[in-house]
Every structure is written in structure tokens, then in C-alpha cells.
Amino acid sequence: MKRTQPTNMIYIAILRGINVSGSKKLPMVELRALLSKLNFTDVQTYIQSGNVVFKSDEKDQEKLGSQISEAIKKQYDYDVPVLVKTIEQWKKAIANNPFTEEDISKQAITFLAIVPKEEMKIEVDSKNDRFKIIDSEVYLYCPNGFGRSKLTNNLFERKLKTQATTRNWKTIIKLLEMAEVL
């Protein structure tokens, strides 16, 4: 009987809160080595804020996120939330963008660990900033820049009672490009 090789899935992992304002320092070369020790293959990172593309035989995305988070905790003593998405989920998030008529450089997606319940409403005086929750993503349009916006990871985590991490469109598109060539 012929044995089939396990199929490696391609994943995009985004880590929250590393290398931000000098805290939770984690060089990407060390992150790549750490993930390779977890038997992930073709590990690649993008910029210094915890964006990783890799292959794994594991099919459980939540388990993958936990493995990465636990390995970081063990080696660096940092609590780092990690969200893991498939290429298909990433493409769907891009396709669902409700702000396609707006300046893409003023947009981002806050990725959530869960799909919020419909009854969860968020009211915030966000001036000209707008957001829309679709599935497990919060689409942001901040015409005055993200630095002044009240639409932050902390806001969404507090109101929706879940983990959240945000990426701008340049990073979102680059991670998809990296994943597609793995």
C-alpha cells in the first residue's frame, strides 16, 4: 500500500505587541529559528512586528497559534497573542473590504480571534474614522492617520472580549504575496 505524504498547509501568523516601542523585543531571525524548532517549514518573516508565513502539517489553526505563543513564553517570558490564518481566509478578508472607494493608505484590518456575536455593538466617538466588523475582521478607515485614532486593538479587545491585532494594507498584501509563492 502506497503511503501518502502529509500535505503541508500554508499559514500566515500575526503576533500582537512585539517590538513595539522597545518592548517585548524579538528579533525576526530568532523568531524564524524558534518556529523551525516547532517543525514548521519555509518560515519567513516580514518587517519587525511579528508577521510570519510558514508551512505546517497541523490543520488546527488555534493549536498552531498556541504552540507559537507557548514557545515564545518559554524562551522569552513574553505573553504574545498569535492569530493564524490560511491563505483562503486571508484572501477572503481582503475581498470583504467595505472601504474600497477610500484611500488604501488610510486603511487597515484588525484581525480578531473570534467572530463577534451580532449583538455586540461598539460605540465610540471616532471623529471621521470609520469601522465595520465583517466575520472575524474589523475594517478600519482612518483618514487622519492611525496614531490619532481611537479605533485601537485595546478598544476592540475590551469591547468584543477577544484578542485583536491590526495590520495596514501594505503589510496585508505583502503577507499574501509571500504566502502565495511558498
N, C-alpha and C. Protein backbone atom coordinates (compact mmCIF):
# COMPACT_ATOMS: atom_id res chain seq x y z
N MET A 1 0.84 -1.19 0.00
CA MET A 1 0.00 0.00 0.00
C MET A 1 0.88 1.24 0.00
N LYS A 2 0.56 2.15 -0.87
CA LYS A 2 1.33 3.37 -1.02
C LYS A 2 0.96 4.36 0.08
N ARG A 3 1.97 4.89 0.77
CA ARG A 3 1.74 5.90 1.81
C ARG A 3 1.79 7.28 1.18
N THR A 4 0.85 8.10 1.54
CA THR A 4 0.84 9.46 1.02
C THR A 4 1.54 10.39 2.00
N GLN A 5 2.22 11.35 1.46
CA GLN A 5 2.89 12.34 2.27
C GLN A 5 1.86 13.30 2.84
N PRO A 6 2.05 13.73 4.09
CA PRO A 6 1.14 14.72 4.63
C PRO A 6 1.23 16.01 3.81
N THR A 7 0.12 16.67 3.66
CA THR A 7 0.07 17.91 2.91
C THR A 7 0.38 19.07 3.85
N ASN A 8 1.42 19.80 3.50
CA ASN A 8 1.74 20.99 4.28
C ASN A 8 0.79 22.10 3.91
N MET A 9 0.14 22.66 4.92
CA MET A 9 -0.73 23.83 4.73
C MET A 9 0.14 25.08 4.86
N ILE A 10 -0.22 26.12 4.13
CA ILE A 10 0.48 27.40 4.24
C ILE A 10 -0.35 28.31 5.14
N TYR A 11 0.33 28.91 6.11
CA TYR A 11 -0.34 29.76 7.08
C TYR A 11 0.33 31.13 7.17
N ILE A 12 -0.46 32.09 7.61
CA ILE A 12 0.02 33.43 7.93
C ILE A 12 -0.27 33.63 9.42
N ALA A 13 0.77 33.91 10.18
CA ALA A 13 0.60 34.17 11.62
C ALA A 13 0.95 35.62 11.89
N ILE A 14 0.12 36.25 12.71
CA ILE A 14 0.38 37.63 13.11
C ILE A 14 0.42 37.69 14.63
N LEU A 15 1.50 38.23 15.14
CA LEU A 15 1.74 38.31 16.58
C LEU A 15 1.40 39.71 17.05
N ARG A 16 0.86 39.79 18.25
CA ARG A 16 0.47 41.10 18.78
C ARG A 16 1.48 41.61 19.80
N GLY A 17 1.93 42.84 19.58
CA GLY A 17 2.66 43.56 20.61
C GLY A 17 4.14 43.27 20.75
N ILE A 18 4.79 42.69 19.75
CA ILE A 18 6.23 42.52 19.86
C ILE A 18 6.94 43.65 19.12
N ASN A 19 8.12 44.01 19.63
CA ASN A 19 8.96 45.05 19.02
C ASN A 19 8.22 46.37 18.83
N VAL A 20 7.30 46.68 19.74
CA VAL A 20 6.56 47.93 19.68
C VAL A 20 7.07 48.84 20.80
N SER A 21 7.52 50.01 20.43
CA SER A 21 8.03 51.00 21.40
C SER A 21 9.09 50.42 22.32
N GLY A 22 9.92 49.54 21.79
CA GLY A 22 11.03 48.99 22.55
C GLY A 22 10.67 47.89 23.52
N SER A 23 9.41 47.44 23.53
CA SER A 23 9.05 46.38 24.46
C SER A 23 8.90 45.05 23.75
N LYS A 24 9.02 43.99 24.52
CA LYS A 24 8.90 42.61 24.00
C LYS A 24 9.74 42.42 22.75
N LYS A 25 11.05 42.69 22.91
CA LYS A 25 11.96 42.56 21.77
C LYS A 25 12.08 41.10 21.36
N LEU A 26 11.92 40.88 20.06
CA LEU A 26 12.04 39.54 19.50
C LEU A 26 12.54 39.67 18.06
N PRO A 27 13.85 39.54 17.88
CA PRO A 27 14.39 39.63 16.52
C PRO A 27 13.78 38.57 15.61
N MET A 28 13.51 38.96 14.38
CA MET A 28 12.84 38.05 13.45
C MET A 28 13.69 36.83 13.12
N VAL A 29 15.01 36.97 13.12
CA VAL A 29 15.86 35.80 12.88
C VAL A 29 15.66 34.77 13.99
N GLU A 30 15.49 35.24 15.22
CA GLU A 30 15.24 34.33 16.34
C GLU A 30 13.83 33.73 16.27
N LEU A 31 12.86 34.52 15.83
CA LEU A 31 11.50 34.00 15.67
C LEU A 31 11.47 32.91 14.60
N ARG A 32 12.16 33.13 13.49
CA ARG A 32 12.21 32.10 12.43
C ARG A 32 12.84 30.81 12.97
N ALA A 33 13.92 30.93 13.74
CA ALA A 33 14.58 29.75 14.31
C ALA A 33 13.66 29.04 15.29
N LEU A 34 12.95 29.80 16.09
CA LEU A 34 12.03 29.22 17.07
C LEU A 34 10.91 28.44 16.37
N LEU A 35 10.36 28.99 15.31
CA LEU A 35 9.28 28.31 14.59
C LEU A 35 9.81 27.08 13.84
N SER A 36 11.03 27.15 13.39
CA SER A 36 11.62 25.97 12.74
C SER A 36 11.78 24.83 13.74
N LYS A 37 12.08 25.17 14.99
CA LYS A 37 12.18 24.15 16.05
C LYS A 37 10.82 23.49 16.32
N LEU A 38 9.74 24.19 15.99
CA LEU A 38 8.39 23.63 16.15
C LEU A 38 7.99 22.77 14.94
N ASN A 39 8.97 22.51 14.08
CA ASN A 39 8.78 21.71 12.86
C ASN A 39 7.92 22.41 11.81
N PHE A 40 7.87 23.73 11.84
CA PHE A 40 7.26 24.48 10.76
C PHE A 40 8.34 24.61 9.68
N THR A 41 7.93 24.64 8.43
CA THR A 41 8.90 24.72 7.35
C THR A 41 8.69 26.00 6.54
N ASP A 42 9.72 26.33 5.75
CA ASP A 42 9.68 27.51 4.88
C ASP A 42 9.26 28.76 5.64
N VAL A 43 9.76 28.92 6.85
CA VAL A 43 9.38 30.05 7.71
C VAL A 43 10.00 31.34 7.17
N GLN A 44 9.14 32.34 6.96
CA GLN A 44 9.58 33.65 6.51
C GLN A 44 8.90 34.71 7.36
N THR A 45 9.61 35.81 7.61
CA THR A 45 9.02 36.91 8.36
C THR A 45 9.03 38.16 7.49
N TYR A 46 8.16 39.10 7.87
CA TYR A 46 8.10 40.37 7.18
C TYR A 46 8.11 41.49 8.21
N ILE A 47 8.99 42.43 8.04
CA ILE A 47 9.28 43.53 8.95
C ILE A 47 9.40 43.02 10.39
N GLN A 48 9.54 43.92 11.32
CA GLN A 48 9.89 43.54 12.70
C GLN A 48 8.71 43.39 13.65
N SER A 49 7.48 43.45 13.13
CA SER A 49 6.33 43.48 14.04
C SER A 49 5.58 42.16 14.16
N GLY A 50 6.24 41.06 13.83
CA GLY A 50 5.63 39.76 14.07
C GLY A 50 4.67 39.30 13.00
N ASN A 51 5.14 39.26 11.77
CA ASN A 51 4.37 38.77 10.65
C ASN A 51 5.12 37.57 10.09
N VAL A 52 4.47 36.41 10.05
CA VAL A 52 5.16 35.18 9.68
C VAL A 52 4.33 34.39 8.68
N VAL A 53 5.01 33.83 7.70
CA VAL A 53 4.40 32.92 6.75
C VAL A 53 5.16 31.60 6.91
N PHE A 54 4.43 30.48 6.96
CA PHE A 54 5.10 29.19 7.16
C PHE A 54 4.21 28.05 6.68
N LYS A 55 4.80 26.87 6.63
CA LYS A 55 4.07 25.65 6.30
C LYS A 55 4.06 24.73 7.52
N SER A 56 2.96 23.99 7.65
CA SER A 56 2.84 23.02 8.74
C SER A 56 1.86 21.92 8.32
N ASP A 57 2.08 20.73 8.87
CA ASP A 57 1.14 19.62 8.67
C ASP A 57 -0.09 19.78 9.55
N GLU A 58 0.03 20.56 10.61
CA GLU A 58 -1.08 20.76 11.56
C GLU A 58 -2.24 21.47 10.87
N LYS A 59 -3.45 21.00 11.12
CA LYS A 59 -4.64 21.60 10.50
C LYS A 59 -5.39 22.54 11.45
N ASP A 60 -5.09 22.46 12.73
CA ASP A 60 -5.79 23.24 13.74
C ASP A 60 -5.09 24.59 13.95
N GLN A 61 -5.67 25.65 13.42
CA GLN A 61 -5.05 26.97 13.48
C GLN A 61 -4.92 27.49 14.91
N GLU A 62 -5.91 27.21 15.74
CA GLU A 62 -5.84 27.66 17.13
C GLU A 62 -4.67 26.97 17.84
N LYS A 63 -4.49 25.69 17.55
CA LYS A 63 -3.38 24.94 18.14
C LYS A 63 -2.04 25.53 17.68
N LEU A 64 -1.95 25.87 16.40
CA LEU A 64 -0.72 26.48 15.89
C LEU A 64 -0.42 27.80 16.62
N GLY A 65 -1.43 28.63 16.77
CA GLY A 65 -1.25 29.89 17.48
C GLY A 65 -0.80 29.67 18.91
N SER A 66 -1.39 28.68 19.57
CA SER A 66 -1.00 28.34 20.95
C SER A 66 0.44 27.84 21.01
N GLN A 67 0.83 27.00 20.05
CA GLN A 67 2.20 26.48 20.02
C GLN A 67 3.20 27.62 19.90
N ILE A 68 2.93 28.55 19.01
CA ILE A 68 3.84 29.69 18.82
C ILE A 68 3.89 30.54 20.08
N SER A 69 2.73 30.85 20.62
CA SER A 69 2.65 31.67 21.83
C SER A 69 3.38 31.02 23.01
N GLU A 70 3.16 29.72 23.18
CA GLU A 70 3.81 28.99 24.28
C GLU A 70 5.33 28.93 24.10
N ALA A 71 5.79 28.75 22.88
CA ALA A 71 7.24 28.71 22.62
C ALA A 71 7.88 30.06 22.93
N ILE A 72 7.20 31.15 22.57
CA ILE A 72 7.71 32.49 22.88
C ILE A 72 7.73 32.70 24.39
N LYS A 73 6.67 32.28 25.06
CA LYS A 73 6.60 32.42 26.53
C LYS A 73 7.76 31.66 27.19
N LYS A 74 7.99 30.44 26.72
CA LYS A 74 9.04 29.61 27.30
C LYS A 74 10.42 30.21 27.08
N GLN A 75 10.69 30.69 25.87
CA GLN A 75 12.03 31.20 25.55
C GLN A 75 12.27 32.63 26.00
N TYR A 76 11.22 33.49 25.95
CA TYR A 76 11.43 34.92 26.21
C TYR A 76 10.64 35.45 27.42
N ASP A 77 9.76 34.64 27.95
CA ASP A 77 8.89 35.03 29.06
C ASP A 77 7.97 36.20 28.69
N TYR A 78 7.50 36.22 27.43
CA TYR A 78 6.54 37.20 26.96
C TYR A 78 5.21 36.50 26.71
N ASP A 79 4.13 37.14 27.10
CA ASP A 79 2.80 36.69 26.69
C ASP A 79 2.49 37.38 25.37
N VAL A 80 2.43 36.62 24.30
CA VAL A 80 2.20 37.18 22.97
C VAL A 80 1.03 36.46 22.31
N PRO A 81 -0.09 37.14 22.15
CA PRO A 81 -1.20 36.55 21.40
C PRO A 81 -0.79 36.35 19.94
N VAL A 82 -1.19 35.21 19.37
CA VAL A 82 -0.86 34.88 18.00
C VAL A 82 -2.12 34.43 17.27
N LEU A 83 -2.43 35.06 16.15
CA LEU A 83 -3.55 34.65 15.31
C LEU A 83 -2.99 34.01 14.05
N VAL A 84 -3.56 32.88 13.67
CA VAL A 84 -3.09 32.14 12.50
C VAL A 84 -4.24 32.02 11.50
N LYS A 85 -3.95 32.35 10.25
CA LYS A 85 -4.94 32.31 9.17
C LYS A 85 -4.41 31.49 8.00
N THR A 86 -5.32 30.88 7.24
CA THR A 86 -4.95 30.23 5.99
C THR A 86 -4.92 31.29 4.89
N ILE A 87 -4.33 30.93 3.75
CA ILE A 87 -4.34 31.85 2.60
C ILE A 87 -5.77 32.18 2.20
N GLU A 88 -6.64 31.17 2.21
CA GLU A 88 -8.03 31.39 1.82
C GLU A 88 -8.72 32.39 2.74
N GLN A 89 -8.49 32.26 4.04
CA GLN A 89 -9.08 33.21 4.99
C GLN A 89 -8.51 34.61 4.77
N TRP A 90 -7.22 34.69 4.47
CA TRP A 90 -6.57 35.99 4.24
C TRP A 90 -7.16 36.66 3.00
N LYS A 91 -7.31 35.87 1.92
CA LYS A 91 -7.89 36.40 0.68
C LYS A 91 -9.33 36.87 0.91
N LYS A 92 -10.09 36.11 1.68
CA LYS A 92 -11.48 36.49 1.97
C LYS A 92 -11.51 37.81 2.75
N ALA A 93 -10.60 37.96 3.70
CA ALA A 93 -10.53 39.21 4.47
C ALA A 93 -10.25 40.38 3.54
N ILE A 94 -9.35 40.20 2.59
CA ILE A 94 -9.04 41.27 1.63
C ILE A 94 -10.26 41.57 0.77
N ALA A 95 -10.91 40.53 0.28
CA ALA A 95 -12.07 40.70 -0.62
C ALA A 95 -13.26 41.36 0.08
N ASN A 96 -13.38 41.19 1.39
CA ASN A 96 -14.51 41.75 2.14
C ASN A 96 -14.38 43.23 2.47
N ASN A 97 -13.29 43.86 2.09
CA ASN A 97 -13.06 45.26 2.44
C ASN A 97 -14.23 46.15 2.00
N PRO A 98 -14.91 46.79 2.97
CA PRO A 98 -16.05 47.64 2.62
C PRO A 98 -15.65 49.07 2.23
N PHE A 99 -14.37 49.40 2.34
CA PHE A 99 -13.92 50.77 2.08
C PHE A 99 -13.11 50.88 0.79
N THR A 100 -13.47 50.13 -0.22
CA THR A 100 -12.68 50.10 -1.45
C THR A 100 -12.63 51.44 -2.18
N GLU A 101 -13.56 52.34 -1.90
CA GLU A 101 -13.57 53.65 -2.56
C GLU A 101 -12.67 54.65 -1.85
N GLU A 102 -12.14 54.28 -0.70
CA GLU A 102 -11.33 55.20 0.11
C GLU A 102 -9.84 54.98 -0.12
N ASP A 103 -9.02 55.92 0.32
CA ASP A 103 -7.57 55.85 0.21
C ASP A 103 -7.05 54.63 0.98
N ILE A 104 -6.45 53.70 0.26
CA ILE A 104 -5.99 52.45 0.86
C ILE A 104 -4.89 52.68 1.91
N SER A 105 -4.13 53.77 1.78
CA SER A 105 -3.06 54.04 2.74
C SER A 105 -3.61 54.47 4.10
N LYS A 106 -4.91 54.72 4.17
CA LYS A 106 -5.56 55.13 5.42
C LYS A 106 -6.41 54.00 5.98
N GLN A 107 -6.16 52.77 5.49
CA GLN A 107 -6.97 51.63 5.90
C GLN A 107 -6.12 50.55 6.56
N ALA A 108 -6.80 49.74 7.34
CA ALA A 108 -6.15 48.60 8.00
C ALA A 108 -7.24 47.58 8.33
N ILE A 109 -6.79 46.41 8.75
CA ILE A 109 -7.71 45.40 9.28
C ILE A 109 -7.24 45.03 10.67
N THR A 110 -8.18 45.03 11.61
CA THR A 110 -7.92 44.46 12.92
C THR A 110 -8.46 43.04 12.87
N PHE A 111 -7.55 42.08 13.02
CA PHE A 111 -7.93 40.67 12.99
C PHE A 111 -8.30 40.25 14.41
N LEU A 112 -9.44 39.57 14.53
CA LEU A 112 -9.94 39.12 15.83
C LEU A 112 -9.78 37.61 15.97
N ALA A 113 -9.64 37.14 17.20
CA ALA A 113 -9.52 35.70 17.45
C ALA A 113 -10.86 34.98 17.30
N ILE A 114 -11.96 35.72 17.35
CA ILE A 114 -13.28 35.11 17.23
C ILE A 114 -14.14 35.94 16.27
N VAL A 115 -15.24 35.35 15.85
CA VAL A 115 -16.27 36.11 15.13
C VAL A 115 -17.20 36.66 16.22
N PRO A 116 -17.28 37.97 16.37
CA PRO A 116 -18.11 38.52 17.44
C PRO A 116 -19.59 38.23 17.22
N LYS A 117 -20.31 38.13 18.32
CA LYS A 117 -21.77 37.95 18.24
C LYS A 117 -22.38 39.22 17.67
N GLU A 118 -23.44 39.06 16.91
CA GLU A 118 -24.07 40.21 16.25
C GLU A 118 -24.53 41.28 17.23
N GLU A 119 -24.95 40.84 18.43
CA GLU A 119 -25.49 41.83 19.37
C GLU A 119 -24.41 42.70 20.00
N MET A 120 -23.14 42.37 19.77
CA MET A 120 -22.07 43.19 20.31
C MET A 120 -21.96 44.47 19.51
N LYS A 121 -22.25 45.55 20.13
CA LYS A 121 -22.18 46.86 19.46
C LYS A 121 -21.04 47.66 20.08
N ILE A 122 -20.38 48.43 19.25
CA ILE A 122 -19.31 49.29 19.72
C ILE A 122 -19.68 50.72 19.37
N GLU A 123 -19.75 51.54 20.39
CA GLU A 123 -19.98 52.96 20.16
C GLU A 123 -18.77 53.71 20.66
N VAL A 124 -18.21 54.52 19.79
CA VAL A 124 -17.04 55.29 20.15
C VAL A 124 -17.06 56.58 19.32
N ASP A 125 -16.68 57.69 19.95
CA ASP A 125 -16.57 58.95 19.24
C ASP A 125 -15.26 58.90 18.44
N SER A 126 -15.37 58.46 17.21
CA SER A 126 -14.17 58.23 16.41
C SER A 126 -13.93 59.32 15.37
N LYS A 127 -14.55 60.46 15.55
CA LYS A 127 -14.41 61.61 14.64
C LYS A 127 -14.72 61.16 13.22
N ASN A 128 -13.78 61.28 12.30
CA ASN A 128 -14.00 60.87 10.91
C ASN A 128 -13.66 59.41 10.65
N ASP A 129 -13.11 58.74 11.64
CA ASP A 129 -12.72 57.35 11.47
C ASP A 129 -13.96 56.46 11.38
N ARG A 130 -13.86 55.44 10.55
CA ARG A 130 -14.98 54.50 10.40
C ARG A 130 -14.47 53.08 10.54
N PHE A 131 -15.36 52.22 10.97
CA PHE A 131 -15.00 50.80 11.04
C PHE A 131 -16.23 49.97 10.73
N LYS A 132 -15.98 48.76 10.28
CA LYS A 132 -17.05 47.82 10.01
C LYS A 132 -16.54 46.43 10.35
N ILE A 133 -17.33 45.70 11.13
CA ILE A 133 -16.97 44.34 11.50
C ILE A 133 -17.62 43.38 10.51
N ILE A 134 -16.79 42.56 9.88
CA ILE A 134 -17.26 41.51 8.98
C ILE A 134 -16.51 40.23 9.37
N ASP A 135 -17.26 39.22 9.75
CA ASP A 135 -16.67 37.95 10.21
C ASP A 135 -15.73 38.23 11.38
N SER A 136 -14.48 37.79 11.29
CA SER A 136 -13.55 38.00 12.40
C SER A 136 -12.57 39.13 12.11
N GLU A 137 -13.00 40.06 11.27
CA GLU A 137 -12.15 41.21 10.94
C GLU A 137 -12.89 42.51 11.20
N VAL A 138 -12.14 43.49 11.65
CA VAL A 138 -12.66 44.86 11.79
C VAL A 138 -11.92 45.69 10.75
N TYR A 139 -12.66 46.21 9.80
CA TYR A 139 -12.08 47.03 8.75
C TYR A 139 -12.05 48.48 9.22
N LEU A 140 -10.90 49.10 9.10
CA LEU A 140 -10.70 50.46 9.59
C LEU A 140 -10.40 51.41 8.45
N TYR A 141 -11.01 52.59 8.52
CA TYR A 141 -10.66 53.68 7.64
C TYR A 141 -10.42 54.89 8.53
N CYS A 142 -9.17 55.34 8.58
CA CYS A 142 -8.78 56.44 9.47
C CYS A 142 -8.12 57.54 8.64
N PRO A 143 -8.93 58.48 8.10
CA PRO A 143 -8.39 59.49 7.20
C PRO A 143 -7.36 60.42 7.83
N ASN A 144 -7.37 60.55 9.15
CA ASN A 144 -6.39 61.42 9.83
C ASN A 144 -5.20 60.64 10.37
N GLY A 145 -5.10 59.36 10.01
CA GLY A 145 -3.98 58.53 10.46
C GLY A 145 -4.34 57.67 11.65
N PHE A 146 -3.59 56.62 11.82
CA PHE A 146 -3.88 55.65 12.89
C PHE A 146 -3.39 56.12 14.25
N GLY A 147 -2.37 56.97 14.27
CA GLY A 147 -1.80 57.45 15.53
C GLY A 147 -2.79 58.25 16.36
N ARG A 148 -3.74 58.90 15.72
CA ARG A 148 -4.72 59.73 16.42
C ARG A 148 -6.05 59.01 16.63
N SER A 149 -6.20 57.86 16.05
CA SER A 149 -7.49 57.16 16.08
C SER A 149 -7.78 56.53 17.44
N LYS A 150 -9.05 56.53 17.79
CA LYS A 150 -9.50 55.82 18.99
C LYS A 150 -9.82 54.36 18.68
N LEU A 151 -9.75 53.99 17.40
CA LEU A 151 -10.05 52.62 16.98
C LEU A 151 -8.78 51.77 17.11
N THR A 152 -8.53 51.31 18.33
CA THR A 152 -7.29 50.60 18.64
C THR A 152 -7.55 49.13 18.97
N ASN A 153 -6.46 48.36 18.98
CA ASN A 153 -6.56 46.96 19.41
C ASN A 153 -7.20 46.87 20.79
N ASN A 154 -6.75 47.72 21.70
CA ASN A 154 -7.27 47.67 23.07
C ASN A 154 -8.78 47.91 23.11
N LEU A 155 -9.26 48.85 22.32
CA LEU A 155 -10.70 49.12 22.27
C LEU A 155 -11.46 47.87 21.84
N PHE A 156 -11.04 47.27 20.74
CA PHE A 156 -11.76 46.11 20.22
C PHE A 156 -11.63 44.91 21.15
N GLU A 157 -10.48 44.74 21.76
CA GLU A 157 -10.32 43.63 22.71
C GLU A 157 -11.25 43.81 23.91
N ARG A 158 -11.32 45.02 24.41
CA ARG A 158 -12.16 45.30 25.58
C ARG A 158 -13.64 45.14 25.25
N LYS A 159 -14.07 45.72 24.14
CA LYS A 159 -15.49 45.71 23.80
C LYS A 159 -15.97 44.35 23.30
N LEU A 160 -15.12 43.64 22.57
CA LEU A 160 -15.52 42.37 21.98
C LEU A 160 -15.05 41.16 22.78
N LYS A 161 -14.26 41.42 23.82
CA LYS A 161 -13.76 40.37 24.72
C LYS A 161 -13.05 39.26 23.94
N THR A 162 -12.06 39.69 23.15
CA THR A 162 -11.25 38.76 22.37
C THR A 162 -9.90 39.40 22.08
N GLN A 163 -8.99 38.61 21.56
CA GLN A 163 -7.68 39.13 21.15
C GLN A 163 -7.81 39.79 19.79
N ALA A 164 -6.99 40.83 19.59
CA ALA A 164 -7.02 41.56 18.33
C ALA A 164 -5.62 42.05 17.98
N THR A 165 -5.33 42.09 16.70
CA THR A 165 -4.08 42.70 16.24
C THR A 165 -4.33 43.29 14.85
N THR A 166 -3.74 44.44 14.60
CA THR A 166 -4.04 45.22 13.40
C THR A 166 -2.85 45.24 12.45
N ARG A 167 -3.17 45.19 11.15
CA ARG A 167 -2.15 45.33 10.12
C ARG A 167 -2.65 46.31 9.06
N ASN A 168 -1.72 47.11 8.53
CA ASN A 168 -2.09 48.03 7.45
C ASN A 168 -2.13 47.26 6.13
N TRP A 169 -2.66 47.90 5.10
CA TRP A 169 -2.86 47.21 3.82
C TRP A 169 -1.57 46.81 3.16
N LYS A 170 -0.53 47.61 3.29
CA LYS A 170 0.76 47.25 2.69
C LYS A 170 1.23 45.91 3.26
N THR A 171 1.13 45.75 4.56
CA THR A 171 1.56 44.51 5.21
C THR A 171 0.63 43.36 4.83
N ILE A 172 -0.66 43.62 4.80
CA ILE A 172 -1.64 42.58 4.46
C ILE A 172 -1.36 42.01 3.07
N ILE A 173 -1.13 42.90 2.11
CA ILE A 173 -0.88 42.47 0.73
C ILE A 173 0.47 41.76 0.63
N LYS A 174 1.48 42.27 1.30
CA LYS A 174 2.81 41.65 1.25
C LYS A 174 2.77 40.23 1.83
N LEU A 175 2.05 40.03 2.92
CA LEU A 175 1.97 38.69 3.51
C LEU A 175 1.26 37.72 2.56
N LEU A 176 0.25 38.18 1.87
CA LEU A 176 -0.42 37.33 0.90
C LEU A 176 0.55 36.96 -0.23
N GLU A 177 1.28 37.94 -0.73
CA GLU A 177 2.26 37.67 -1.80
C GLU A 177 3.29 36.64 -1.34
N MET A 178 3.79 36.78 -0.12
CA MET A 178 4.77 35.83 0.41
C MET A 178 4.18 34.43 0.51
N ALA A 179 2.96 34.35 0.99
CA ALA A 179 2.30 33.04 1.18
C ALA A 179 2.04 32.36 -0.16
N GLU A 180 1.69 33.14 -1.16
CA GLU A 180 1.35 32.56 -2.46
C GLU A 180 2.56 31.96 -3.17
N VAL A 181 3.75 32.37 -2.85
CA VAL A 181 4.94 31.81 -3.51
C VAL A 181 5.63 30.72 -2.69
N LEU A 182 5.09 30.41 -1.52
CA LEU A 182 5.69 29.32 -0.72
C LEU A 182 5.49 27.98 -1.37
